[in-house]
Amino acid sequence: MGENNVELVEQNVQHISEDVRAHGKSIRNHESRIYQLESNMQMTQQSVQHTNEKISDLTSSFKTLEQKLDQDREDLQKDREERQRNEIKQLEDYKHSVSTNRRHNRCNDCCRHGRCYFMGRYLSEKSKLESTFTQ
């Protein structure tokens, strides 16, 4: 009977050893998976951080570009207004030179019914420019 008990103890030890080996293998597999998950999580966090930095850079670039476009629009509008003022001044100077020049006051070449052709042209161009300038 003693041998029977020894065999049972040996079988129990063998089964327990196999169970311990299986659990050890399972623990190593779980540790490996945990390590892989931690690595993947770290790479994902780095990717998200990099993406957020790039988005921030793009946002600031768009804001800078928008500011430049606004400034260009303002400069263009100022240039357009200055050009229109210069054209109006040139037309006024032209009107003054035409009105002081006797040749055009009642010139047979350009006057119709006592009105100078050049003066009529001047007035219509001036009104066009003034209407676009005031808009």
N, C-alpha and C. Protein backbone atom coordinates (compact mmCIF):
# COMPACT_ATOMS: atom_id res chain seq x y z
N MET A 1 0.79 -1.18 0.00
CA MET A 1 0.00 0.00 0.00
C MET A 1 0.84 1.26 0.00
N GLY A 2 1.97 1.17 0.61
CA GLY A 2 2.84 2.32 0.64
C GLY A 2 3.30 2.71 -0.74
N GLU A 3 3.48 1.68 -1.58
CA GLU A 3 3.92 1.98 -2.94
C GLU A 3 2.81 2.67 -3.72
N ASN A 4 1.61 2.30 -3.43
CA ASN A 4 0.46 2.89 -4.09
C ASN A 4 0.38 4.38 -3.76
N ASN A 5 0.61 4.71 -2.51
CA ASN A 5 0.58 6.11 -2.09
C ASN A 5 1.72 6.90 -2.74
N VAL A 6 2.87 6.25 -2.84
CA VAL A 6 4.02 6.91 -3.46
C VAL A 6 3.73 7.19 -4.92
N GLU A 7 3.10 6.23 -5.59
CA GLU A 7 2.75 6.42 -7.00
C GLU A 7 1.75 7.57 -7.16
N LEU A 8 0.78 7.62 -6.24
CA LEU A 8 -0.21 8.70 -6.30
C LEU A 8 0.47 10.05 -6.07
N VAL A 9 1.39 10.09 -5.13
CA VAL A 9 2.10 11.34 -4.86
C VAL A 9 2.93 11.72 -6.08
N GLU A 10 3.61 10.75 -6.68
CA GLU A 10 4.42 11.03 -7.87
C GLU A 10 3.54 11.52 -9.02
N GLN A 11 2.37 10.91 -9.20
CA GLN A 11 1.46 11.35 -10.26
C GLN A 11 0.96 12.78 -9.98
N ASN A 12 0.63 13.03 -8.71
CA ASN A 12 0.17 14.38 -8.34
C ASN A 12 1.28 15.41 -8.60
N VAL A 13 2.52 15.04 -8.23
CA VAL A 13 3.65 15.95 -8.46
C VAL A 13 3.82 16.18 -9.95
N GLN A 14 3.71 15.11 -10.74
CA GLN A 14 3.86 15.23 -12.19
C GLN A 14 2.77 16.12 -12.77
N HIS A 15 1.52 15.91 -12.34
CA HIS A 15 0.41 16.74 -12.85
C HIS A 15 0.58 18.20 -12.42
N ILE A 16 0.99 18.39 -11.19
CA ILE A 16 1.20 19.75 -10.70
C ILE A 16 2.33 20.41 -11.47
N SER A 17 3.41 19.67 -11.75
CA SER A 17 4.54 20.22 -12.52
C SER A 17 4.09 20.61 -13.92
N GLU A 18 3.27 19.75 -14.54
CA GLU A 18 2.76 20.07 -15.88
C GLU A 18 1.87 21.32 -15.84
N ASP A 19 1.03 21.38 -14.80
CA ASP A 19 0.17 22.56 -14.65
C ASP A 19 0.99 23.83 -14.45
N VAL A 20 2.07 23.73 -13.63
CA VAL A 20 2.92 24.88 -13.39
C VAL A 20 3.61 25.30 -14.68
N ARG A 21 4.09 24.32 -15.47
CA ARG A 21 4.72 24.65 -16.76
C ARG A 21 3.72 25.33 -17.69
N ALA A 22 2.50 24.79 -17.75
CA ALA A 22 1.46 25.36 -18.63
C ALA A 22 1.13 26.78 -18.18
N HIS A 23 1.00 26.98 -16.87
CA HIS A 23 0.71 28.32 -16.36
C HIS A 23 1.87 29.27 -16.63
N GLY A 24 3.10 28.77 -16.49
CA GLY A 24 4.28 29.59 -16.79
C GLY A 24 4.30 30.01 -18.24
N LYS A 25 3.99 29.04 -19.12
CA LYS A 25 3.94 29.34 -20.57
C LYS A 25 2.84 30.37 -20.85
N SER A 26 1.68 30.20 -20.22
CA SER A 26 0.57 31.13 -20.40
C SER A 26 0.95 32.53 -19.90
N ILE A 27 1.62 32.58 -18.76
CA ILE A 27 2.05 33.88 -18.20
C ILE A 27 3.03 34.55 -19.15
N ARG A 28 3.98 33.79 -19.71
CA ARG A 28 4.94 34.37 -20.66
C ARG A 28 4.22 34.89 -21.91
N ASN A 29 3.24 34.14 -22.39
CA ASN A 29 2.45 34.60 -23.55
C ASN A 29 1.71 35.90 -23.22
N HIS A 30 1.10 35.95 -22.05
CA HIS A 30 0.38 37.17 -21.64
C HIS A 30 1.35 38.34 -21.49
N GLU A 31 2.51 38.10 -20.90
CA GLU A 31 3.50 39.17 -20.75
C GLU A 31 3.96 39.68 -22.11
N SER A 32 4.15 38.75 -23.05
CA SER A 32 4.56 39.14 -24.41
C SER A 32 3.47 39.99 -25.06
N ARG A 33 2.22 39.57 -24.90
CA ARG A 33 1.11 40.34 -25.48
C ARG A 33 1.00 41.71 -24.82
N ILE A 34 1.18 41.76 -23.52
CA ILE A 34 1.14 43.05 -22.81
C ILE A 34 2.24 43.96 -23.32
N TYR A 35 3.44 43.41 -23.50
CA TYR A 35 4.56 44.21 -24.01
C TYR A 35 4.24 44.75 -25.41
N GLN A 36 3.68 43.89 -26.27
CA GLN A 36 3.32 44.33 -27.62
C GLN A 36 2.25 45.42 -27.57
N LEU A 37 1.26 45.24 -26.69
CA LEU A 37 0.21 46.26 -26.56
C LEU A 37 0.78 47.58 -26.05
N GLU A 38 1.70 47.51 -25.09
CA GLU A 38 2.31 48.73 -24.59
C GLU A 38 3.12 49.42 -25.68
N SER A 39 3.85 48.63 -26.49
CA SER A 39 4.61 49.20 -27.60
C SER A 39 3.68 49.86 -28.61
N ASN A 40 2.61 49.15 -28.96
CA ASN A 40 1.64 49.71 -29.91
C ASN A 40 1.00 50.98 -29.36
N MET A 41 0.68 50.98 -28.07
CA MET A 41 0.08 52.15 -27.46
C MET A 41 1.05 53.34 -27.49
N GLN A 42 2.32 53.08 -27.22
CA GLN A 42 3.31 54.15 -27.24
C GLN A 42 3.47 54.71 -28.66
N MET A 43 3.52 53.82 -29.66
CA MET A 43 3.62 54.29 -31.06
C MET A 43 2.38 55.08 -31.45
N THR A 44 1.22 54.62 -31.02
CA THR A 44 -0.02 55.34 -31.33
C THR A 44 -0.03 56.71 -30.69
N GLN A 45 0.41 56.79 -29.44
CA GLN A 45 0.47 58.09 -28.76
C GLN A 45 1.43 59.03 -29.48
N GLN A 46 2.58 58.51 -29.91
CA GLN A 46 3.53 59.34 -30.64
C GLN A 46 2.94 59.82 -31.96
N SER A 47 2.23 58.91 -32.65
CA SER A 47 1.59 59.29 -33.92
C SER A 47 0.54 60.37 -33.70
N VAL A 48 -0.26 60.20 -32.68
CA VAL A 48 -1.30 61.19 -32.38
C VAL A 48 -0.66 62.53 -32.03
N GLN A 49 0.40 62.49 -31.22
CA GLN A 49 1.09 63.73 -30.85
C GLN A 49 1.68 64.40 -32.08
N HIS A 50 2.31 63.62 -32.95
CA HIS A 50 2.89 64.18 -34.18
C HIS A 50 1.79 64.78 -35.06
N THR A 51 0.68 64.05 -35.19
CA THR A 51 -0.44 64.54 -36.00
C THR A 51 -0.99 65.85 -35.42
N ASN A 52 -1.13 65.91 -34.11
CA ASN A 52 -1.63 67.14 -33.48
C ASN A 52 -0.67 68.30 -33.71
N GLU A 53 0.64 68.04 -33.65
CA GLU A 53 1.62 69.10 -33.91
C GLU A 53 1.50 69.59 -35.35
N LYS A 54 1.36 68.66 -36.29
CA LYS A 54 1.23 69.05 -37.70
C LYS A 54 -0.05 69.85 -37.92
N ILE A 55 -1.13 69.43 -37.28
CA ILE A 55 -2.39 70.17 -37.41
C ILE A 55 -2.23 71.57 -36.85
N SER A 56 -1.55 71.68 -35.73
CA SER A 56 -1.30 72.99 -35.13
C SER A 56 -0.46 73.85 -36.07
N ASP A 57 0.58 73.26 -36.67
CA ASP A 57 1.41 73.99 -37.63
C ASP A 57 0.59 74.45 -38.83
N LEU A 58 -0.25 73.56 -39.34
CA LEU A 58 -1.09 73.92 -40.48
C LEU A 58 -2.07 75.04 -40.11
N THR A 59 -2.63 74.96 -38.93
CA THR A 59 -3.56 75.99 -38.48
C THR A 59 -2.87 77.35 -38.43
N SER A 60 -1.67 77.37 -37.85
CA SER A 60 -0.96 78.65 -37.78
C SER A 60 -0.56 79.13 -39.18
N SER A 61 -0.21 78.19 -40.06
CA SER A 61 0.13 78.57 -41.44
C SER A 61 -1.09 79.16 -42.15
N PHE A 62 -2.25 78.55 -41.95
CA PHE A 62 -3.47 79.08 -42.56
C PHE A 62 -3.81 80.45 -42.01
N LYS A 63 -3.62 80.65 -40.71
CA LYS A 63 -3.89 81.96 -40.13
C LYS A 63 -2.96 83.00 -40.71
N THR A 64 -1.68 82.65 -40.84
CA THR A 64 -0.70 83.57 -41.42
C THR A 64 -1.07 83.88 -42.87
N LEU A 65 -1.42 82.85 -43.61
CA LEU A 65 -1.81 83.04 -45.01
C LEU A 65 -3.06 83.92 -45.11
N GLU A 66 -4.02 83.69 -44.23
CA GLU A 66 -5.24 84.50 -44.24
C GLU A 66 -4.92 85.97 -43.93
N GLN A 67 -4.01 86.19 -42.98
CA GLN A 67 -3.61 87.57 -42.66
C GLN A 67 -2.93 88.22 -43.86
N LYS A 68 -2.07 87.47 -44.55
CA LYS A 68 -1.40 88.01 -45.73
C LYS A 68 -2.41 88.34 -46.82
N LEU A 69 -3.37 87.45 -47.02
CA LEU A 69 -4.40 87.70 -48.03
C LEU A 69 -5.23 88.94 -47.68
N ASP A 70 -5.58 89.07 -46.41
CA ASP A 70 -6.33 90.26 -45.99
C ASP A 70 -5.51 91.52 -46.23
N GLN A 71 -4.23 91.47 -45.89
CA GLN A 71 -3.35 92.64 -46.10
C GLN A 71 -3.23 92.95 -47.59
N ASP A 72 -3.09 91.90 -48.42
CA ASP A 72 -3.01 92.11 -49.87
C ASP A 72 -4.30 92.73 -50.40
N ARG A 73 -5.45 92.27 -49.88
CA ARG A 73 -6.73 92.85 -50.31
C ARG A 73 -6.80 94.34 -49.94
N GLU A 74 -6.38 94.63 -48.71
CA GLU A 74 -6.39 96.03 -48.29
C GLU A 74 -5.45 96.87 -49.15
N ASP A 75 -4.24 96.34 -49.41
CA ASP A 75 -3.28 97.07 -50.24
C ASP A 75 -3.83 97.27 -51.65
N LEU A 76 -4.45 96.23 -52.18
CA LEU A 76 -5.03 96.33 -53.52
C LEU A 76 -6.14 97.37 -53.55
N GLN A 77 -6.99 97.37 -52.53
CA GLN A 77 -8.07 98.36 -52.46
C GLN A 77 -7.50 99.77 -52.36
N LYS A 78 -6.47 99.95 -51.53
CA LYS A 78 -5.84 101.27 -51.40
C LYS A 78 -5.22 101.70 -52.73
N ASP A 79 -4.54 100.77 -53.41
CA ASP A 79 -3.96 101.09 -54.71
C ASP A 79 -5.04 101.49 -55.71
N ARG A 80 -6.14 100.74 -55.71
CA ARG A 80 -7.24 101.03 -56.62
C ARG A 80 -7.82 102.41 -56.33
N GLU A 81 -8.02 102.72 -55.05
CA GLU A 81 -8.56 104.03 -54.69
C GLU A 81 -7.58 105.14 -55.07
N GLU A 82 -6.30 104.92 -54.84
CA GLU A 82 -5.28 105.92 -55.20
C GLU A 82 -5.26 106.13 -56.71
N ARG A 83 -5.35 105.04 -57.47
CA ARG A 83 -5.36 105.14 -58.93
C ARG A 83 -6.60 105.92 -59.39
N GLN A 84 -7.74 105.64 -58.79
CA GLN A 84 -8.96 106.36 -59.16
C GLN A 84 -8.85 107.84 -58.82
N ARG A 85 -8.28 108.14 -57.65
CA ARG A 85 -8.08 109.56 -57.30
C ARG A 85 -7.16 110.23 -58.30
N ASN A 86 -6.10 109.54 -58.70
CA ASN A 86 -5.18 110.10 -59.69
C ASN A 86 -5.86 110.32 -61.03
N GLU A 87 -6.69 109.36 -61.43
CA GLU A 87 -7.41 109.51 -62.70
C GLU A 87 -8.38 110.69 -62.63
N ILE A 88 -9.07 110.82 -61.51
CA ILE A 88 -9.99 111.96 -61.35
C ILE A 88 -9.21 113.27 -61.39
N LYS A 89 -8.08 113.30 -60.71
CA LYS A 89 -7.25 114.52 -60.72
C LYS A 89 -6.77 114.82 -62.14
N GLN A 90 -6.35 113.80 -62.87
CA GLN A 90 -5.91 114.01 -64.26
C GLN A 90 -7.06 114.56 -65.10
N LEU A 91 -8.24 114.00 -64.90
CA LEU A 91 -9.39 114.49 -65.66
C LEU A 91 -9.74 115.93 -65.27
N GLU A 92 -9.64 116.23 -63.98
CA GLU A 92 -9.88 117.61 -63.56
C GLU A 92 -8.83 118.56 -64.14
N ASP A 93 -7.57 118.12 -64.15
CA ASP A 93 -6.51 118.93 -64.76
C ASP A 93 -6.79 119.11 -66.25
N TYR A 94 -7.23 118.03 -66.88
CA TYR A 94 -7.55 118.10 -68.30
C TYR A 94 -8.70 119.08 -68.53
N LYS A 95 -9.72 119.00 -67.67
CA LYS A 95 -10.86 119.91 -67.80
C LYS A 95 -10.37 121.36 -67.66
N HIS A 96 -9.53 121.59 -66.69
CA HIS A 96 -9.01 122.94 -66.48
C HIS A 96 -8.22 123.41 -67.70
N SER A 97 -7.38 122.52 -68.23
CA SER A 97 -6.58 122.93 -69.39
C SER A 97 -7.46 123.16 -70.61
N VAL A 98 -8.51 122.36 -70.76
CA VAL A 98 -9.42 122.52 -71.89
C VAL A 98 -10.23 123.81 -71.73
N SER A 99 -10.69 124.07 -70.53
CA SER A 99 -11.52 125.27 -70.34
C SER A 99 -10.69 126.54 -70.47
N THR A 100 -9.40 126.48 -70.16
CA THR A 100 -8.56 127.67 -70.30
C THR A 100 -8.00 127.81 -71.71
N ASN A 101 -8.07 126.77 -72.47
CA ASN A 101 -7.54 126.82 -73.83
C ASN A 101 -8.64 127.35 -74.75
N ARG A 102 -8.44 128.50 -75.34
CA ARG A 102 -9.46 129.13 -76.18
C ARG A 102 -9.77 128.28 -77.40
N ARG A 103 -8.82 127.55 -77.87
CA ARG A 103 -9.03 126.78 -79.08
C ARG A 103 -10.17 125.78 -78.89
N HIS A 104 -10.36 125.28 -77.67
CA HIS A 104 -11.41 124.31 -77.44
C HIS A 104 -12.69 124.91 -76.90
N ASN A 105 -12.70 126.19 -76.59
CA ASN A 105 -13.92 126.78 -76.09
C ASN A 105 -15.02 126.77 -77.15
N ARG A 106 -14.69 127.16 -78.36
CA ARG A 106 -15.68 127.14 -79.43
C ARG A 106 -15.00 126.70 -80.71
N CYS A 107 -14.33 125.59 -80.63
CA CYS A 107 -13.57 125.08 -81.77
C CYS A 107 -14.53 124.44 -82.77
N ASN A 108 -14.36 124.72 -84.05
CA ASN A 108 -15.23 124.16 -85.07
C ASN A 108 -14.98 122.67 -85.27
N ASP A 109 -13.80 122.20 -84.89
CA ASP A 109 -13.49 120.78 -85.09
C ASP A 109 -14.22 119.89 -84.09
N CYS A 110 -14.42 120.36 -82.88
CA CYS A 110 -14.96 119.44 -81.87
C CYS A 110 -16.23 119.94 -81.19
N CYS A 111 -16.60 121.17 -81.36
CA CYS A 111 -17.76 121.68 -80.63
C CYS A 111 -19.03 121.42 -81.41
N ARG A 112 -20.04 121.02 -80.69
CA ARG A 112 -21.36 120.84 -81.28
C ARG A 112 -22.35 121.63 -80.44
N HIS A 113 -23.04 122.53 -81.07
CA HIS A 113 -24.08 123.32 -80.41
C HIS A 113 -23.54 124.08 -79.20
N GLY A 114 -22.36 124.62 -79.32
CA GLY A 114 -21.80 125.45 -78.26
C GLY A 114 -21.23 124.66 -77.09
N ARG A 115 -21.13 123.36 -77.23
CA ARG A 115 -20.59 122.55 -76.14
C ARG A 115 -19.39 121.78 -76.66
N CYS A 116 -18.29 121.82 -75.94
CA CYS A 116 -17.05 121.17 -76.38
C CYS A 116 -17.17 119.65 -76.23
N TYR A 117 -16.78 118.95 -77.25
CA TYR A 117 -16.81 117.49 -77.22
C TYR A 117 -15.92 116.96 -76.10
N PHE A 118 -14.76 117.54 -75.92
CA PHE A 118 -13.83 117.08 -74.90
C PHE A 118 -14.40 117.29 -73.50
N MET A 119 -15.11 118.38 -73.30
CA MET A 119 -15.70 118.63 -71.99
C MET A 119 -16.79 117.61 -71.67
N GLY A 120 -17.60 117.28 -72.68
CA GLY A 120 -18.64 116.28 -72.48
C GLY A 120 -18.05 114.92 -72.14
N ARG A 121 -16.98 114.58 -72.83
CA ARG A 121 -16.29 113.32 -72.57
C ARG A 121 -15.71 113.32 -71.16
N TYR A 122 -15.15 114.43 -70.79
CA TYR A 122 -14.57 114.56 -69.45
C TYR A 122 -15.63 114.34 -68.38
N LEU A 123 -16.78 114.98 -68.54
CA LEU A 123 -17.81 114.88 -67.53
C LEU A 123 -18.34 113.46 -67.40
N SER A 124 -18.53 112.77 -68.52
CA SER A 124 -19.05 111.41 -68.43
C SER A 124 -18.02 110.48 -67.79
N GLU A 125 -16.73 110.64 -68.11
CA GLU A 125 -15.70 109.80 -67.49
C GLU A 125 -15.56 110.10 -66.01
N LYS A 126 -15.66 111.36 -65.65
CA LYS A 126 -15.54 111.73 -64.24
C LYS A 126 -16.69 111.13 -63.44
N SER A 127 -17.90 111.19 -63.96
CA SER A 127 -19.04 110.63 -63.22
C SER A 127 -18.91 109.12 -63.09
N LYS A 128 -18.39 108.44 -64.11
CA LYS A 128 -18.16 106.99 -64.01
C LYS A 128 -17.15 106.68 -62.92
N LEU A 129 -16.05 107.39 -62.92
CA LEU A 129 -15.01 107.16 -61.92
C LEU A 129 -15.51 107.48 -60.52
N GLU A 130 -16.23 108.57 -60.37
CA GLU A 130 -16.73 108.93 -59.05
C GLU A 130 -17.73 107.90 -58.55
N SER A 131 -18.56 107.36 -59.43
CA SER A 131 -19.53 106.36 -58.98
C SER A 131 -18.83 105.07 -58.56
N THR A 132 -17.78 104.65 -59.27
CA THR A 132 -17.06 103.44 -58.86
C THR A 132 -16.22 103.71 -57.62
N PHE A 133 -15.74 104.93 -57.47
CA PHE A 133 -14.90 105.28 -56.32
C PHE A 133 -15.72 105.31 -55.03
N THR A 134 -16.96 105.74 -55.11
CA THR A 134 -17.78 105.87 -53.91
C THR A 134 -18.42 104.56 -53.51
N GLN A 135 -18.39 103.54 -54.32
CA GLN A 135 -19.02 102.27 -53.99
C GLN A 135 -18.25 101.50 -52.99
